[in-house]
Structures are given as structure tokens and as C-alpha cells.
PDB file of N, CA and C in Angstrom:
ATOM      1  N   UNK A   1      12.559 -15.258  -2.576  1.00  0.00           N
ATOM      2  CA  UNK A   1      10.908 -15.515  -3.130  1.00  0.00           C
ATOM      3  C   UNK A   1      10.173 -15.183  -1.876  1.00  0.00           C
ATOM      4  N   UNK A   2       9.040 -14.524  -1.855  1.00  0.00           N
ATOM      5  CA  UNK A   2       8.098 -14.140  -1.123  1.00  0.00           C
ATOM      6  C   UNK A   2       7.545 -15.307  -0.492  1.00  0.00           C
ATOM      7  N   UNK A   3       6.989 -14.993   0.907  1.00  0.00           N
ATOM      8  CA  UNK A   3       6.434 -16.197   1.365  1.00  0.00           C
ATOM      9  C   UNK A   3       4.683 -16.204   0.527  1.00  0.00           C
ATOM     10  N   UNK A   4       4.166 -17.264  -0.111  1.00  0.00           N
ATOM     11  CA  UNK A   4       3.236 -16.866  -0.235  1.00  0.00           C
ATOM     12  C   UNK A   4       1.970 -16.567   0.255  1.00  0.00           C
ATOM     13  N   UNK A   5       2.060 -17.675   1.639  1.00  0.00           N
ATOM     14  CA  UNK A   5       1.044 -17.379   2.286  1.00  0.00           C
ATOM     15  C   UNK A   5       0.680 -16.041   3.163  1.00  0.00           C
ATOM     16  N   UNK A   6       1.802 -15.327   3.032  1.00  0.00           N
ATOM     17  CA  UNK A   6       1.822 -13.875   3.916  1.00  0.00           C
ATOM     18  C   UNK A   6       1.318 -12.913   2.769  1.00  0.00           C
ATOM     19  N   UNK A   7       1.459 -12.943   1.565  1.00  0.00           N
ATOM     20  CA  UNK A   7       0.693 -12.229   0.797  1.00  0.00           C
ATOM     21  C   UNK A   7      -0.778 -12.118   0.597  1.00  0.00           C
ATOM     22  N   UNK A   8      -1.068 -10.417   0.492  1.00  0.00           N
ATOM     23  CA  UNK A   8      -2.408 -10.149   1.046  1.00  0.00           C
ATOM     24  C   UNK A   8      -3.451 -10.732  -0.044  1.00  0.00           C
ATOM     25  N   UNK A   9      -4.567 -10.960   0.247  1.00  0.00           N
ATOM     26  CA  UNK A   9      -5.621 -11.691  -0.738  1.00  0.00           C
ATOM     27  C   UNK A   9      -6.245 -10.991  -1.672  1.00  0.00           C
ATOM     28  N   UNK A  10      -5.545 -10.233  -2.679  1.00  0.00           N
ATOM     29  CA  UNK A  10      -6.154  -9.723  -3.583  1.00  0.00           C
ATOM     30  C   UNK A  10      -6.091 -10.112  -4.803  1.00  0.00           C
ATOM     31  N   UNK A  11      -7.212  -9.499  -5.645  1.00  0.00           N
ATOM     32  CA  UNK A  11      -7.211 -10.596  -6.642  1.00  0.00           C
ATOM     33  C   UNK A  11      -5.947 -10.564  -7.624  1.00  0.00           C
ATOM     34  N   UNK A  12      -4.828  -9.711  -7.544  1.00  0.00           N
ATOM     35  CA  UNK A  12      -3.271  -9.448  -8.546  1.00  0.00           C
ATOM     36  C   UNK A  12      -2.718 -10.670  -7.710  1.00  0.00           C
ATOM     37  N   UNK A  13      -2.704 -11.177  -5.924  1.00  0.00           N
ATOM     38  CA  UNK A  13      -1.800 -11.863  -5.344  1.00  0.00           C
ATOM     39  C   UNK A  13      -2.659 -13.072  -5.612  1.00  0.00           C
ATOM     40  N   UNK A  14      -3.752 -13.650  -5.442  1.00  0.00           N
ATOM     41  CA  UNK A  14      -4.333 -15.037  -5.941  1.00  0.00           C
ATOM     42  C   UNK A  14      -4.139 -15.076  -7.489  1.00  0.00           C
ATOM     43  N   UNK A  15      -4.036 -14.071  -8.402  1.00  0.00           N
ATOM     44  CA  UNK A  15      -3.642 -14.751  -9.584  1.00  0.00           C
ATOM     45  C   UNK A  15      -2.186 -15.042  -9.398  1.00  0.00           C
ATOM     46  N   UNK A  16      -1.586 -14.352  -9.115  1.00  0.00           N
ATOM     47  CA  UNK A  16       0.046 -14.491  -8.635  1.00  0.00           C
ATOM     48  C   UNK A  16       0.414 -16.115  -8.444  1.00  0.00           C
ATOM     49  N   UNK A  17      -0.638 -16.260  -7.049  1.00  0.00           N
ATOM     50  CA  UNK A  17      -0.200 -17.602  -6.263  1.00  0.00           C
ATOM     51  C   UNK A  17      -1.000 -18.924  -7.155  1.00  0.00           C
ATOM     52  N   UNK A  18      -1.576 -18.666  -7.926  1.00  0.00           N
ATOM     53  CA  UNK A  18      -2.080 -19.654  -8.757  1.00  0.00           C
ATOM     54  C   UNK A  18      -1.460 -20.071 -10.006  1.00  0.00           C
ATOM     55  N   UNK A  19      -0.438 -18.564 -10.482  1.00  0.00           N
ATOM     56  CA  UNK A  19       0.671 -19.165 -11.619  1.00  0.00           C
ATOM     57  C   UNK A  19       1.408 -19.835 -10.886  1.00  0.00           C
ATOM     58  N   UNK A  20       2.004 -19.595  -9.870  1.00  0.00           N
ATOM     59  CA  UNK A  20       3.118 -20.070  -9.288  1.00  0.00           C
ATOM     60  C   UNK A  20       3.115 -21.573  -9.256  1.00  0.00           C
ATOM     61  N   UNK A  21       2.168 -22.032  -8.790  1.00  0.00           N
ATOM     62  CA  UNK A  21       1.154 -23.317  -8.268  1.00  0.00           C
ATOM     63  C   UNK A  21       1.501 -23.898  -9.077  1.00  0.00           C
ATOM     64  N   UNK A  22       0.814 -23.589 -10.347  1.00  0.00           N
ATOM     65  CA  UNK A  22       0.812 -24.165 -11.627  1.00  0.00           C
ATOM     66  C   UNK A  22       2.143 -24.744 -12.296  1.00  0.00           C
ATOM     67  N   UNK A  23       2.722 -23.674 -12.237  1.00  0.00           N
ATOM     68  CA  UNK A  23       4.292 -23.722 -12.649  1.00  0.00           C
ATOM     69  C   UNK A  23       4.897 -25.021 -12.197  1.00  0.00           C
ATOM     70  N   UNK A  24       4.901 -24.811 -10.287  1.00  0.00           N
ATOM     71  CA  UNK A  24       5.459 -25.877  -9.616  1.00  0.00           C
ATOM     72  C   UNK A  24       4.967 -27.365 -10.170  1.00  0.00           C
ATOM     73  N   UNK A  25       3.030 -27.358 -10.247  1.00  0.00           N
ATOM     74  CA  UNK A  25       2.802 -28.547 -10.799  1.00  0.00           C
ATOM     75  C   UNK A  25       3.660 -28.937 -11.960  1.00  0.00           C
ATOM     76  N   UNK A  26       3.758 -28.203 -12.681  1.00  0.00           N
ATOM     77  CA  UNK A  26       3.935 -28.276 -14.350  1.00  0.00           C
ATOM     78  C   UNK A  26       5.571 -29.091 -13.814  1.00  0.00           C
ATOM     79  N   UNK A  27       6.270 -28.186 -13.028  1.00  0.00           N
ATOM     80  CA  UNK A  27       7.517 -28.586 -13.344  1.00  0.00           C
ATOM     81  C   UNK A  27       7.774 -29.900 -12.778  1.00  0.00           C
ATOM     82  N   UNK A  28       6.718 -30.450 -11.280  1.00  0.00           N
ATOM     83  CA  UNK A  28       6.849 -31.756 -11.010  1.00  0.00           C
ATOM     84  C   UNK A  28       6.328 -32.937 -12.145  1.00  0.00           C
ATOM     85  N   UNK A  29       5.198 -32.549 -13.038  1.00  0.00           N
ATOM     86  CA  UNK A  29       5.247 -33.443 -13.752  1.00  0.00           C
ATOM     87  C   UNK A  29       6.160 -33.501 -14.708  1.00  0.00           C
ATOM     88  N   UNK A  30       6.870 -32.566 -15.254  1.00  0.00           N
ATOM     89  CA  UNK A  30       8.011 -32.883 -16.385  1.00  0.00           C
ATOM     90  C   UNK A  30       8.885 -33.560 -15.610  1.00  0.00           C
ATOM     91  N   UNK A  31       9.308 -33.166 -14.345  1.00  0.00           N
ATOM     92  CA  UNK A  31      10.409 -34.099 -13.762  1.00  0.00           C
ATOM     93  C   UNK A  31      10.063 -35.776 -13.480  1.00  0.00           C
ATOM     94  N   UNK A  32       8.556 -35.808 -13.254  1.00  0.00           N
ATOM     95  CA  UNK A  32       8.336 -37.729 -12.954  1.00  0.00           C
ATOM     96  C   UNK A  32       8.149 -38.281 -13.980  1.00  0.00           C
ATOM     97  N   UNK A  33       7.836 -37.056 -15.366  1.00  0.00           N
ATOM     98  CA  UNK A  33       7.680 -37.774 -16.643  1.00  0.00           C
ATOM     99  C   UNK A  33       9.511 -37.914 -17.105  1.00  0.00           C
ATOM    100  N   UNK A  34      10.569 -37.759 -16.441  1.00  0.00           N
ATOM    101  CA  UNK A  34      11.810 -37.869 -16.981  1.00  0.00           C
ATOM    102  C   UNK A  34      12.512 -36.549 -17.966  1.00  0.00           C
ATOM    103  N   UNK A  35      11.725 -35.533 -18.183  1.00  0.00           N
ATOM    104  CA  UNK A  35      12.115 -34.283 -18.921  1.00  0.00           C
ATOM    105  C   UNK A  35      13.108 -33.664 -18.825  1.00  0.00           C
ATOM    106  N   UNK A  36      13.078 -33.727 -17.382  1.00  0.00           N
ATOM    107  CA  UNK A  36      14.118 -32.751 -16.339  1.00  0.00           C
ATOM    108  C   UNK A  36      14.712 -33.498 -15.689  1.00  0.00           C
ATOM    109  N   UNK A  37      16.159 -33.046 -15.360  1.00  0.00           N
ATOM    110  CA  UNK A  37      16.954 -33.722 -14.613  1.00  0.00           C
ATOM    111  C   UNK A  37      16.804 -32.913 -13.246  1.00  0.00           C
ATOM    112  N   UNK A  38      16.796 -33.890 -12.334  1.00  0.00           N
ATOM    113  CA  UNK A  38      16.786 -33.243 -10.902  1.00  0.00           C
ATOM    114  C   UNK A  38      18.081 -33.337 -10.816  1.00  0.00           C
ATOM    115  N   UNK A  39      18.462 -32.367  -9.838  1.00  0.00           N
ATOM    116  CA  UNK A  39      19.984 -32.042  -9.608  1.00  0.00           C
ATOM    117  C   UNK A  39      20.293 -33.163  -8.037  1.00  0.00           C
TER     118      UNK A  39
END
């Protein structure tokens, strides 16, 4: 996985970074809610 902090701040990469951060937040919420088992 590329280092998101080192990606160029183009529109594409900003959108990509926002998508990744949203997915990580969703995963965290699911784990906190007990829908996903942590390893």
C-alpha cells in the first residue's frame, strides 16, 4: 500500500485518499459495533 502522505495532491489522489480514509472509518465503526471480529 502506498504511503498516502507522499501522494501528489492532485484531484485524483485527494479523492483516493478521502475514499481510503472513509473506508478505514467505516471499518473502525463496524469493529466497534461488533459486526467484524478483530484478529
